[in-house]
């Protein structure tokens, strides 16, 4: 089990996120393989500062980003974890913490997610997290599967 720590996103996190967002495996699905400029990363950070978003740290290092991005009246789980941490439970632990925040602090009834169809690793993560498939939709580069997780019953 990983020992991830979530810390609220700060404007100064853009440099660390630039490194993360430009990793080939991360940008392949998160940004449809587009290499972001530092300025574009800063805009993503500024947008994420307006909602619940966190830096994921492991052993003191920034290894990911996670947020509950507003989509209409709902929130969508967004996850990016460094390739060096894949398969180590980092995404699962970070997502579970963000979901707990969404259900307990924000009192959400459901959390949405979307995963590009070729992204098998993320589909497995959604299943482990208890998300249920709700359909498919067209995306900019890939078709995506949509998911939702419901607030656990008390």
N, C-alpha and C. Protein backbone atom coordinates (compact mmCIF):
# COMPACT_ATOMS: atom_id res chain seq x y z
N UNK A 1 0.84 -1.19 0.00
CA UNK A 1 0.00 0.00 0.00
C UNK A 1 0.88 1.25 0.00
N UNK A 2 0.52 2.19 -0.80
CA UNK A 2 1.30 3.43 -0.87
C UNK A 2 0.97 4.31 0.32
N UNK A 3 1.82 5.25 0.59
CA UNK A 3 1.59 6.22 1.67
C UNK A 3 1.48 7.60 1.03
N UNK A 4 0.37 7.81 0.36
CA UNK A 4 0.18 9.07 -0.33
C UNK A 4 -0.33 10.13 0.63
N UNK A 5 0.04 11.35 0.33
CA UNK A 5 -0.44 12.51 1.07
C UNK A 5 -1.04 13.46 0.04
N UNK A 6 -2.26 13.91 0.31
CA UNK A 6 -2.88 14.91 -0.54
C UNK A 6 -2.72 16.27 0.13
N UNK A 7 -2.30 17.25 -0.66
CA UNK A 7 -2.16 18.62 -0.20
C UNK A 7 -2.91 19.51 -1.18
N UNK A 8 -3.63 20.48 -0.63
CA UNK A 8 -4.36 21.40 -1.50
C UNK A 8 -3.45 21.99 -2.56
N UNK A 9 -3.95 22.08 -3.75
CA UNK A 9 -3.22 22.68 -4.86
C UNK A 9 -2.91 24.15 -4.55
N UNK A 10 -1.71 24.58 -4.93
CA UNK A 10 -1.30 25.98 -4.75
C UNK A 10 -0.80 26.51 -6.09
N UNK A 11 -0.86 27.82 -6.31
CA UNK A 11 -0.37 28.39 -7.57
C UNK A 11 1.08 28.01 -7.86
N UNK A 12 1.87 27.84 -6.82
CA UNK A 12 3.29 27.50 -7.00
C UNK A 12 3.53 26.07 -7.45
N UNK A 13 2.48 25.26 -7.57
CA UNK A 13 2.63 23.87 -7.98
C UNK A 13 2.76 23.69 -9.50
N UNK A 14 2.66 24.76 -10.24
CA UNK A 14 2.67 24.64 -11.71
C UNK A 14 3.97 24.03 -12.24
N UNK A 15 5.10 24.35 -11.64
CA UNK A 15 6.36 23.77 -12.14
C UNK A 15 6.37 22.26 -11.99
N UNK A 16 5.97 21.76 -10.81
CA UNK A 16 5.92 20.32 -10.58
C UNK A 16 4.89 19.66 -11.50
N UNK A 17 3.77 20.33 -11.72
CA UNK A 17 2.75 19.75 -12.59
C UNK A 17 3.17 19.79 -14.06
N UNK A 18 3.99 20.75 -14.43
CA UNK A 18 4.50 20.78 -15.80
C UNK A 18 5.30 19.50 -16.08
N UNK A 19 6.10 19.09 -15.13
CA UNK A 19 6.88 17.85 -15.26
C UNK A 19 5.93 16.67 -15.39
N UNK A 20 4.94 16.59 -14.51
CA UNK A 20 3.97 15.49 -14.53
C UNK A 20 3.17 15.48 -15.83
N UNK A 21 2.60 16.61 -16.19
CA UNK A 21 1.71 16.67 -17.35
C UNK A 21 2.41 16.41 -18.67
N UNK A 22 3.73 16.54 -18.70
CA UNK A 22 4.44 16.31 -19.95
C UNK A 22 5.05 14.90 -20.04
N UNK A 23 4.87 14.07 -19.01
CA UNK A 23 5.30 12.68 -19.11
C UNK A 23 4.48 12.01 -20.22
N UNK A 24 5.13 11.25 -21.11
CA UNK A 24 4.40 10.64 -22.23
C UNK A 24 3.18 9.83 -21.82
N UNK A 25 3.30 9.01 -20.80
CA UNK A 25 2.17 8.17 -20.38
C UNK A 25 1.04 8.96 -19.76
N UNK A 26 1.35 10.07 -19.12
CA UNK A 26 0.33 10.91 -18.50
C UNK A 26 -0.41 11.71 -19.57
N UNK A 27 0.34 12.35 -20.44
CA UNK A 27 -0.31 13.22 -21.43
C UNK A 27 -1.04 12.44 -22.51
N UNK A 28 -0.70 11.15 -22.68
CA UNK A 28 -1.33 10.35 -23.75
C UNK A 28 -2.85 10.42 -23.68
N UNK A 29 -3.41 10.23 -22.49
CA UNK A 29 -4.86 10.26 -22.36
C UNK A 29 -5.37 11.53 -21.71
N UNK A 30 -4.61 12.09 -20.77
CA UNK A 30 -5.09 13.28 -20.07
C UNK A 30 -5.19 14.48 -21.00
N UNK A 31 -4.20 14.62 -21.88
CA UNK A 31 -4.20 15.76 -22.80
C UNK A 31 -4.15 15.32 -24.26
N UNK A 32 -4.62 14.11 -24.53
CA UNK A 32 -4.66 13.57 -25.90
C UNK A 32 -3.31 13.67 -26.60
N UNK A 33 -2.26 13.44 -25.83
CA UNK A 33 -0.87 13.39 -26.30
C UNK A 33 -0.35 14.75 -26.77
N UNK A 34 -0.98 15.83 -26.33
CA UNK A 34 -0.51 17.17 -26.66
C UNK A 34 0.48 17.59 -25.57
N UNK A 35 1.63 18.08 -25.98
CA UNK A 35 2.66 18.54 -25.06
C UNK A 35 2.31 19.97 -24.64
N UNK A 36 1.92 20.14 -23.37
CA UNK A 36 1.53 21.46 -22.87
C UNK A 36 2.74 22.36 -22.69
N UNK A 37 2.53 23.63 -22.96
CA UNK A 37 3.56 24.63 -22.62
C UNK A 37 3.44 24.93 -21.13
N UNK A 38 4.44 25.58 -20.59
CA UNK A 38 4.40 25.96 -19.16
C UNK A 38 3.24 26.90 -18.91
N UNK A 39 2.96 27.78 -19.85
CA UNK A 39 1.84 28.72 -19.72
C UNK A 39 0.50 27.97 -19.70
N UNK A 40 0.35 26.95 -20.55
CA UNK A 40 -0.89 26.16 -20.55
C UNK A 40 -1.07 25.40 -19.23
N UNK A 41 0.03 24.88 -18.69
CA UNK A 41 -0.04 24.22 -17.39
C UNK A 41 -0.49 25.21 -16.33
N UNK A 42 0.06 26.42 -16.35
CA UNK A 42 -0.32 27.43 -15.37
C UNK A 42 -1.82 27.72 -15.46
N UNK A 43 -2.36 27.77 -16.67
CA UNK A 43 -3.81 28.00 -16.83
C UNK A 43 -4.62 26.85 -16.24
N UNK A 44 -4.14 25.61 -16.41
CA UNK A 44 -4.83 24.46 -15.80
C UNK A 44 -4.80 24.56 -14.28
N UNK A 45 -3.66 24.96 -13.73
CA UNK A 45 -3.54 25.13 -12.28
C UNK A 45 -4.50 26.21 -11.80
N UNK A 46 -4.51 27.35 -12.47
CA UNK A 46 -5.40 28.44 -12.05
C UNK A 46 -6.86 28.02 -12.10
N UNK A 47 -7.25 27.27 -13.12
CA UNK A 47 -8.62 26.78 -13.21
C UNK A 47 -8.93 25.81 -12.07
N UNK A 48 -7.98 24.94 -11.76
CA UNK A 48 -8.20 23.94 -10.70
C UNK A 48 -8.25 24.57 -9.32
N UNK A 49 -7.65 25.73 -9.15
CA UNK A 49 -7.68 26.41 -7.85
C UNK A 49 -9.08 26.85 -7.47
N UNK A 50 -10.00 26.88 -8.42
CA UNK A 50 -11.37 27.31 -8.15
C UNK A 50 -12.25 26.19 -7.61
N UNK A 51 -11.71 24.98 -7.51
CA UNK A 51 -12.49 23.86 -6.96
C UNK A 51 -11.59 22.95 -6.12
N UNK A 52 -12.09 21.82 -5.72
CA UNK A 52 -11.34 20.91 -4.86
C UNK A 52 -10.29 20.18 -5.68
N UNK A 53 -9.03 20.53 -5.47
CA UNK A 53 -7.92 19.94 -6.22
C UNK A 53 -6.72 19.81 -5.30
N UNK A 54 -5.97 18.74 -5.51
CA UNK A 54 -4.85 18.42 -4.64
C UNK A 54 -3.63 17.97 -5.42
N UNK A 55 -2.49 18.18 -4.81
CA UNK A 55 -1.24 17.60 -5.25
C UNK A 55 -1.13 16.26 -4.52
N UNK A 56 -0.64 15.24 -5.22
CA UNK A 56 -0.42 13.93 -4.60
C UNK A 56 1.08 13.81 -4.34
N UNK A 57 1.41 13.56 -3.08
CA UNK A 57 2.83 13.44 -2.70
C UNK A 57 3.08 12.03 -2.18
N UNK A 58 4.24 11.53 -2.49
CA UNK A 58 4.69 10.23 -2.00
C UNK A 58 6.14 10.40 -1.58
N UNK A 59 6.43 10.08 -0.34
CA UNK A 59 7.79 10.23 0.20
C UNK A 59 8.32 11.65 -0.03
N UNK A 60 7.43 12.63 0.12
CA UNK A 60 7.82 14.03 0.01
C UNK A 60 7.89 14.58 -1.40
N UNK A 61 7.71 13.75 -2.40
CA UNK A 61 7.80 14.19 -3.80
C UNK A 61 6.42 14.33 -4.42
N UNK A 62 6.25 15.32 -5.28
CA UNK A 62 5.01 15.48 -6.03
C UNK A 62 4.97 14.39 -7.10
N UNK A 63 3.97 13.52 -7.01
CA UNK A 63 3.86 12.41 -7.97
C UNK A 63 2.50 12.39 -8.67
N UNK A 64 1.64 13.37 -8.37
CA UNK A 64 0.34 13.34 -9.01
C UNK A 64 -0.50 14.57 -8.72
N UNK A 65 -1.64 14.55 -9.35
CA UNK A 65 -2.65 15.61 -9.26
C UNK A 65 -4.00 14.93 -9.25
N UNK A 66 -4.90 15.41 -8.43
CA UNK A 66 -6.26 14.85 -8.41
C UNK A 66 -7.24 15.98 -8.11
N UNK A 67 -8.40 15.93 -8.72
CA UNK A 67 -9.40 16.97 -8.45
C UNK A 67 -10.81 16.42 -8.60
N UNK A 68 -11.73 17.17 -8.04
CA UNK A 68 -13.16 16.93 -8.23
C UNK A 68 -13.67 18.15 -8.98
N UNK A 69 -13.56 18.09 -10.29
CA UNK A 69 -13.86 19.22 -11.16
C UNK A 69 -15.37 19.36 -11.35
N UNK A 70 -15.89 20.57 -11.18
CA UNK A 70 -17.33 20.77 -11.41
C UNK A 70 -17.70 20.52 -12.87
N UNK A 71 -18.76 19.76 -13.06
CA UNK A 71 -19.34 19.50 -14.37
C UNK A 71 -20.85 19.63 -14.18
N UNK A 72 -21.39 20.78 -14.57
CA UNK A 72 -22.81 21.03 -14.29
C UNK A 72 -23.03 21.03 -12.79
N UNK A 73 -24.03 20.26 -12.33
CA UNK A 73 -24.30 20.14 -10.89
C UNK A 73 -23.51 19.01 -10.25
N UNK A 74 -22.69 18.33 -11.01
CA UNK A 74 -21.92 17.19 -10.52
C UNK A 74 -20.45 17.54 -10.39
N UNK A 75 -19.68 16.58 -9.93
CA UNK A 75 -18.22 16.68 -9.88
C UNK A 75 -17.64 15.47 -10.60
N UNK A 76 -16.54 15.74 -11.32
CA UNK A 76 -15.86 14.69 -12.07
C UNK A 76 -14.48 14.46 -11.47
N UNK A 77 -14.17 13.20 -11.18
CA UNK A 77 -12.86 12.83 -10.66
C UNK A 77 -11.85 12.87 -11.78
N UNK A 78 -10.78 13.64 -11.57
CA UNK A 78 -9.68 13.74 -12.53
C UNK A 78 -8.42 13.27 -11.81
N UNK A 79 -7.66 12.38 -12.45
CA UNK A 79 -6.47 11.82 -11.82
C UNK A 79 -5.31 11.84 -12.80
N UNK A 80 -4.14 12.25 -12.32
CA UNK A 80 -2.89 12.13 -13.08
C UNK A 80 -1.81 11.71 -12.09
N UNK A 81 -1.18 10.57 -12.37
CA UNK A 81 -0.13 10.06 -11.51
C UNK A 81 1.09 9.76 -12.36
N UNK A 82 2.25 10.12 -11.85
CA UNK A 82 3.51 9.91 -12.56
C UNK A 82 3.70 8.44 -12.93
N UNK A 83 4.26 8.24 -14.12
CA UNK A 83 4.53 6.88 -14.59
C UNK A 83 5.37 6.08 -13.60
N UNK A 84 6.26 6.74 -12.86
CA UNK A 84 7.11 6.02 -11.91
C UNK A 84 6.31 5.42 -10.76
N UNK A 85 5.06 5.82 -10.61
CA UNK A 85 4.22 5.33 -9.52
C UNK A 85 3.13 4.38 -9.99
N UNK A 86 3.05 4.12 -11.28
CA UNK A 86 2.01 3.24 -11.77
C UNK A 86 2.17 1.85 -11.16
N UNK A 87 1.05 1.25 -10.82
CA UNK A 87 1.06 -0.10 -10.27
C UNK A 87 1.44 -0.16 -8.80
N UNK A 88 1.53 0.97 -8.13
CA UNK A 88 1.94 1.01 -6.72
C UNK A 88 0.79 1.42 -5.79
N UNK A 89 -0.42 1.55 -6.30
CA UNK A 89 -1.56 1.92 -5.46
C UNK A 89 -1.71 3.40 -5.21
N UNK A 90 -0.86 4.22 -5.83
CA UNK A 90 -0.91 5.65 -5.60
C UNK A 90 -2.21 6.25 -6.11
N UNK A 91 -2.58 5.94 -7.34
CA UNK A 91 -3.82 6.49 -7.91
C UNK A 91 -5.03 6.02 -7.11
N UNK A 92 -5.04 4.76 -6.71
CA UNK A 92 -6.16 4.22 -5.94
C UNK A 92 -6.29 4.95 -4.60
N UNK A 93 -5.19 5.08 -3.87
CA UNK A 93 -5.24 5.73 -2.56
C UNK A 93 -5.64 7.20 -2.68
N UNK A 94 -5.08 7.89 -3.67
CA UNK A 94 -5.41 9.31 -3.85
C UNK A 94 -6.87 9.48 -4.25
N UNK A 95 -7.33 8.64 -5.16
CA UNK A 95 -8.72 8.73 -5.61
C UNK A 95 -9.68 8.41 -4.48
N UNK A 96 -9.35 7.42 -3.69
CA UNK A 96 -10.22 7.06 -2.57
C UNK A 96 -10.32 8.22 -1.58
N UNK A 97 -9.21 8.91 -1.31
CA UNK A 97 -9.23 10.06 -0.41
C UNK A 97 -10.06 11.20 -1.00
N UNK A 98 -9.91 11.47 -2.29
CA UNK A 98 -10.69 12.53 -2.93
C UNK A 98 -12.18 12.18 -2.94
N UNK A 99 -12.49 10.92 -3.19
CA UNK A 99 -13.89 10.50 -3.18
C UNK A 99 -14.49 10.63 -1.78
N UNK A 100 -13.73 10.25 -0.77
CA UNK A 100 -14.20 10.39 0.61
C UNK A 100 -14.52 11.86 0.90
N UNK A 101 -13.63 12.76 0.46
CA UNK A 101 -13.88 14.20 0.62
C UNK A 101 -15.17 14.59 -0.10
N UNK A 102 -15.34 14.11 -1.32
CA UNK A 102 -16.54 14.44 -2.08
C UNK A 102 -17.82 13.99 -1.41
N UNK A 103 -17.82 12.76 -0.92
CA UNK A 103 -19.04 12.23 -0.31
C UNK A 103 -19.27 12.76 1.10
N UNK A 104 -18.20 12.92 1.88
CA UNK A 104 -18.37 13.33 3.28
C UNK A 104 -18.38 14.84 3.46
N UNK A 105 -17.40 15.54 2.91
CA UNK A 105 -17.32 17.00 3.11
C UNK A 105 -18.24 17.77 2.17
N UNK A 106 -18.26 17.37 0.90
CA UNK A 106 -19.09 18.07 -0.08
C UNK A 106 -20.52 17.55 -0.15
N UNK A 107 -20.75 16.41 0.50
CA UNK A 107 -22.10 15.79 0.54
C UNK A 107 -22.62 15.46 -0.86
N UNK A 108 -21.73 15.05 -1.75
CA UNK A 108 -22.15 14.68 -3.10
C UNK A 108 -22.92 13.37 -3.07
N UNK A 109 -23.93 13.25 -3.93
CA UNK A 109 -24.65 11.98 -4.07
C UNK A 109 -23.92 11.05 -5.03
N UNK A 110 -23.17 11.66 -5.97
CA UNK A 110 -22.43 10.85 -6.93
C UNK A 110 -21.22 11.62 -7.42
N UNK A 111 -20.24 10.86 -7.92
CA UNK A 111 -19.05 11.42 -8.53
C UNK A 111 -18.92 10.77 -9.90
N UNK A 112 -18.67 11.59 -10.90
CA UNK A 112 -18.54 11.11 -12.28
C UNK A 112 -17.07 10.92 -12.65
N UNK A 113 -16.85 10.17 -13.70
CA UNK A 113 -15.50 10.01 -14.26
C UNK A 113 -15.65 9.63 -15.73
N UNK A 114 -14.63 9.94 -16.49
CA UNK A 114 -14.59 9.55 -17.90
C UNK A 114 -13.20 9.01 -18.21
N UNK A 115 -13.16 7.92 -18.96
CA UNK A 115 -11.88 7.28 -19.28
C UNK A 115 -11.85 6.97 -20.77
N UNK A 116 -10.78 7.40 -21.44
CA UNK A 116 -10.61 7.07 -22.86
C UNK A 116 -10.62 5.55 -23.03
N UNK A 117 -11.31 5.06 -24.05
CA UNK A 117 -11.46 3.62 -24.22
C UNK A 117 -10.14 2.84 -24.23
N UNK A 118 -9.07 3.34 -24.86
CA UNK A 118 -7.84 2.54 -24.86
C UNK A 118 -7.09 2.52 -23.52
N UNK A 119 -7.51 3.30 -22.55
CA UNK A 119 -6.79 3.44 -21.29
C UNK A 119 -7.19 2.34 -20.30
N UNK A 120 -6.73 1.13 -20.56
CA UNK A 120 -7.11 -0.04 -19.75
C UNK A 120 -6.76 0.11 -18.28
N UNK A 121 -5.62 0.69 -17.99
CA UNK A 121 -5.20 0.86 -16.59
C UNK A 121 -6.24 1.67 -15.81
N UNK A 122 -6.74 2.74 -16.40
CA UNK A 122 -7.72 3.58 -15.71
C UNK A 122 -9.09 2.90 -15.62
N UNK A 123 -9.44 2.07 -16.59
CA UNK A 123 -10.70 1.32 -16.48
C UNK A 123 -10.63 0.36 -15.29
N UNK A 124 -9.49 -0.30 -15.11
CA UNK A 124 -9.33 -1.20 -13.96
C UNK A 124 -9.40 -0.41 -12.64
N UNK A 125 -8.83 0.79 -12.63
CA UNK A 125 -8.89 1.63 -11.45
C UNK A 125 -10.34 1.99 -11.12
N UNK A 126 -11.11 2.37 -12.12
CA UNK A 126 -12.51 2.73 -11.89
C UNK A 126 -13.27 1.56 -11.26
N UNK A 127 -13.03 0.36 -11.75
CA UNK A 127 -13.69 -0.83 -11.19
C UNK A 127 -13.28 -1.03 -9.73
N UNK A 128 -11.99 -0.90 -9.44
CA UNK A 128 -11.50 -1.07 -8.06
C UNK A 128 -12.10 -0.04 -7.12
N UNK A 129 -12.36 1.15 -7.63
CA UNK A 129 -12.92 2.23 -6.82
C UNK A 129 -14.43 2.13 -6.65
N UNK A 130 -15.06 1.19 -7.36
CA UNK A 130 -16.50 1.01 -7.23
C UNK A 130 -17.33 1.83 -8.21
N UNK A 131 -16.70 2.38 -9.23
CA UNK A 131 -17.45 3.12 -10.25
C UNK A 131 -18.20 2.13 -11.15
N UNK A 132 -19.37 2.53 -11.58
CA UNK A 132 -20.18 1.73 -12.50
C UNK A 132 -20.21 2.43 -13.86
N UNK A 133 -20.14 1.65 -14.92
CA UNK A 133 -20.21 2.20 -16.27
C UNK A 133 -21.59 2.77 -16.52
N UNK A 134 -21.62 3.94 -17.15
CA UNK A 134 -22.91 4.57 -17.46
C UNK A 134 -23.12 4.80 -18.95
N UNK A 135 -22.08 4.62 -19.75
CA UNK A 135 -22.23 4.83 -21.18
C UNK A 135 -20.92 5.15 -21.84
N UNK A 136 -21.01 5.68 -23.04
CA UNK A 136 -19.84 6.11 -23.80
C UNK A 136 -20.15 7.43 -24.48
N UNK A 137 -19.09 8.16 -24.78
CA UNK A 137 -19.25 9.45 -25.44
C UNK A 137 -18.04 9.70 -26.33
N UNK A 138 -18.21 10.58 -27.30
CA UNK A 138 -17.09 10.94 -28.16
C UNK A 138 -16.20 11.92 -27.43
N UNK A 139 -14.89 11.76 -27.62
CA UNK A 139 -13.93 12.69 -27.04
C UNK A 139 -13.15 13.35 -28.16
N UNK A 140 -12.25 14.25 -27.82
CA UNK A 140 -11.47 14.95 -28.83
C UNK A 140 -10.62 14.00 -29.69
N UNK A 141 -10.02 12.99 -29.06
CA UNK A 141 -9.17 12.06 -29.79
C UNK A 141 -9.71 10.64 -29.73
N UNK A 142 -10.17 10.22 -28.56
CA UNK A 142 -10.67 8.86 -28.34
C UNK A 142 -12.12 8.89 -27.89
N UNK A 143 -12.80 7.83 -28.15
CA UNK A 143 -14.11 7.63 -27.55
C UNK A 143 -13.86 7.34 -26.07
N UNK A 144 -14.77 7.76 -25.17
CA UNK A 144 -14.57 7.59 -23.74
C UNK A 144 -15.73 6.83 -23.11
N UNK A 145 -15.42 6.06 -22.09
CA UNK A 145 -16.43 5.39 -21.28
C UNK A 145 -16.71 6.30 -20.08
N UNK A 146 -17.99 6.47 -19.77
CA UNK A 146 -18.37 7.29 -18.63
C UNK A 146 -18.71 6.40 -17.44
N UNK A 147 -18.45 6.93 -16.25
CA UNK A 147 -18.65 6.19 -15.01
C UNK A 147 -19.30 7.09 -13.97
N UNK A 148 -19.88 6.45 -12.96
CA UNK A 148 -20.31 7.17 -11.79
C UNK A 148 -20.16 6.29 -10.56
N UNK A 149 -19.87 6.93 -9.45
CA UNK A 149 -19.82 6.27 -8.16
C UNK A 149 -20.85 6.96 -7.28
N UNK A 150 -21.63 6.18 -6.58
CA UNK A 150 -22.68 6.71 -5.72
C UNK A 150 -22.20 6.76 -4.27
N UNK A 151 -22.76 7.70 -3.55
CA UNK A 151 -22.44 7.84 -2.11
C UNK A 151 -22.76 6.50 -1.44
N UNK A 152 -21.81 5.99 -0.64
CA UNK A 152 -22.07 4.73 0.08
C UNK A 152 -23.23 4.88 1.04
N UNK A 153 -23.99 3.82 1.20
CA UNK A 153 -25.10 3.83 2.15
C UNK A 153 -24.55 3.78 3.56
N UNK A 154 -25.25 4.47 4.44
CA UNK A 154 -24.79 4.51 5.84
C UNK A 154 -25.09 3.21 6.56
